[in-house]
Amino acid sequence: MGSNKSTLQHIPNAEELMEETGFSAAHIQRLYDRFQLLDRDQMGGLRNEDFEAIPELVTNPIKDRIIGAFLSPGKDMVDFPSFVRVLAHFQPTNSKRSKTSSQEQYNSPTRKLQFVFQLYDQDRDGKISKTEMLQVLQEMLRMEETDEQLQSVMEKAFQEADLDQDDAISFDEFKKSLEKLDISEKMSIGFLC
């Protein structure tokens, strides 16, 4: 590992990021290289336009929400450590990794669900409203479904997930509604393996 440390000296916070996210030195190096390529203006951070240069993201119907997940509220640029922390949510769960701190791993099923929940909860009030759910469905399925069909899908989702019937889905309700889904598998990106 000594040689890995010396090759990572030029990467800000590399050792801390490895410990915090569970990424290996090789992963951190690859992510740094990709970050540098995306940072076309060499400003030390990625802006909205930089993310839009990623072909796989451009075709994603909820790309604006995904890009927004990288950017902190009120910020228009993401630095390398923040970039790595967001991508850590998509790292396959590694049960062999020792957890040396009390902080839950970014790639744990709960943290993955929190990340997805935030894609829906755009006003960040801790719950998903019917309007927010409908907006996501419209973004994802507009070309395939009519507004009436999308409204029906949203109502069905609320019937199943809104356990306290307050016309909002809390994180606990969201988590419960997805408990049968293997979120670790669904939210893993192969290049992070």
Foldseek 3Di string as FASTA:
>chain_A
DVVLVVVCPVPPPQVVLCLQLVFDSVLLVVLVVVQCVLPVVPPQWHFPVSQCVPVVLVPALLSVLVRVLLADPPDGTHHSSSVSLSCSCQAFDDPPDDNPDPDDHCVDLLNNLVSVQCSQVVVPPQWHALVSQLVVCCSHQVVPDPSVVSNVVSVVVCVQQVVVPPRIHGSVSSCVSCVVPPSSVVRHDVVRD
